[in-house]
Protein backbone atom coordinates (compact mmCIF):
# COMPACT_ATOMS: atom_id res chain seq x y z
CA UNK A 1 14.02 -1.00 -21.41
CA UNK A 2 15.05 0.71 -18.20
CA UNK A 3 13.52 4.04 -17.33
CA UNK A 4 14.96 6.75 -15.11
CA UNK A 5 13.03 7.68 -11.96
CA UNK A 6 11.25 10.72 -13.40
CA UNK A 7 9.96 8.62 -16.33
CA UNK A 8 8.24 6.10 -14.06
CA UNK A 9 4.84 7.36 -13.03
CA UNK A 10 1.44 6.31 -11.78
CA UNK A 11 -1.76 8.12 -12.72
CA UNK A 12 -5.11 7.34 -11.12
CA UNK A 13 -8.52 8.48 -12.33
CA UNK A 14 -11.73 8.11 -10.35
CA UNK A 15 -15.06 8.18 -12.18
CA UNK A 16 -17.89 9.20 -9.84
CA UNK A 17 -20.56 8.19 -12.35
CA UNK A 18 -19.49 4.56 -12.61
CA UNK A 19 -17.78 4.42 -9.18
CA UNK A 20 -14.64 2.91 -10.70
CA UNK A 21 -10.93 3.68 -10.89
CA UNK A 22 -8.62 3.60 -13.90
CA UNK A 23 -4.91 3.34 -13.16
CA UNK A 24 -1.91 3.69 -15.45
CA UNK A 25 1.48 2.86 -14.00
CA UNK A 26 5.06 2.20 -14.99
CA UNK A 27 6.22 1.63 -11.40
CA UNK A 28 7.05 -1.99 -10.61
CA UNK A 29 6.23 -1.45 -6.93
CA UNK A 30 2.68 -0.35 -7.79
CA UNK A 31 2.26 -3.18 -10.32
CA UNK A 32 3.24 -5.69 -7.63
CA UNK A 33 0.81 -4.19 -5.08
CA UNK A 34 -2.05 -4.30 -7.59
CA UNK A 35 -1.23 -7.91 -8.47
CA UNK A 36 -1.21 -8.90 -4.77
CA UNK A 37 -4.62 -7.22 -4.44
CA UNK A 38 -5.93 -9.50 -7.20
CA UNK A 39 -6.16 -6.75 -9.80
CA UNK A 40 -4.97 -7.77 -13.26
CA UNK A 41 -4.01 -5.27 -15.98
CA UNK A 42 -6.37 -4.82 -18.90
CA UNK A 43 -3.47 -3.77 -21.16
CA UNK A 44 0.31 -4.06 -20.94
CA UNK A 45 2.21 -1.82 -23.35
CA UNK A 46 5.54 -2.59 -24.99
CA UNK A 47 7.24 0.15 -22.96
CA UNK A 48 6.15 -1.52 -19.70
CA UNK A 49 3.12 0.65 -18.99
CA UNK A 50 0.24 -1.20 -17.32
CA UNK A 51 -3.39 -0.10 -17.62
CA UNK A 52 -5.97 -1.18 -15.06
CA UNK A 53 -9.61 -0.28 -15.73
CA UNK A 54 -12.96 -0.69 -14.00
CA UNK A 55 -11.48 -1.22 -10.56
CA UNK A 56 -14.32 -0.99 -8.00
CA UNK A 57 -14.31 2.29 -6.07
CA UNK A 58 -14.12 0.52 -2.69
CA UNK A 59 -11.03 -1.47 -3.66
CA UNK A 60 -8.75 1.59 -3.58
CA UNK A 61 -8.03 3.28 -0.26
CA UNK A 62 -5.63 5.80 1.18
CA UNK A 63 -4.16 5.54 4.64
CA UNK A 64 -3.07 8.31 6.94
CA UNK A 65 0.57 8.17 7.96
CA UNK A 66 0.95 6.97 11.53
CA UNK A 67 2.09 9.67 13.92
CA UNK A 68 3.53 7.11 16.28
CA UNK A 69 2.58 6.29 19.81
CA UNK A 70 3.24 8.94 22.44
CA UNK A 71 4.02 7.52 25.86
CA UNK A 72 5.37 9.00 29.03
CA UNK A 73 8.48 7.56 30.66
CA UNK A 74 6.28 5.79 33.22
CA UNK A 75 4.07 4.28 30.49
CA UNK A 76 7.14 2.99 28.63
CA UNK A 77 8.47 1.40 31.83
CA UNK A 78 5.11 -0.22 32.59
CA UNK A 79 4.85 -1.56 29.04
CA UNK A 80 8.41 -2.92 29.18
CA UNK A 81 7.61 -4.64 32.51
CA UNK A 82 4.43 -6.23 31.09
CA UNK A 83 6.33 -7.48 28.06
CA UNK A 84 9.12 -8.87 30.25
CA UNK A 85 6.58 -10.73 32.42
CA UNK A 86 4.74 -12.04 29.37
CA UNK A 87 7.97 -13.41 27.92
CA UNK A 88 8.84 -15.11 31.21
CA UNK A 89 5.39 -16.70 31.39
CA UNK A 90 5.75 -18.02 27.87
CA UNK A 91 9.02 -19.88 28.55
CA UNK A 92 8.68 -23.65 29.30
């Protein structure tokens, strides 16, 4: 059964008392990430919904989006020169 984009969702609940997360998702991308992290679903529904319960608090993290590296023109030139020299030194 294929769902349209607005029907696929992920809901996360954090319980401060038990220091655990519960996650419900219908997004394949999230399911794959959880599987790669070694987290197995406790329940898989017929409609494709996956429930994950009692995930340790420390196992879920949020990252800040990178703002990129700000360099001056001179810094870019110096970095390019260092990389060029490093590549030359690596050649046999």
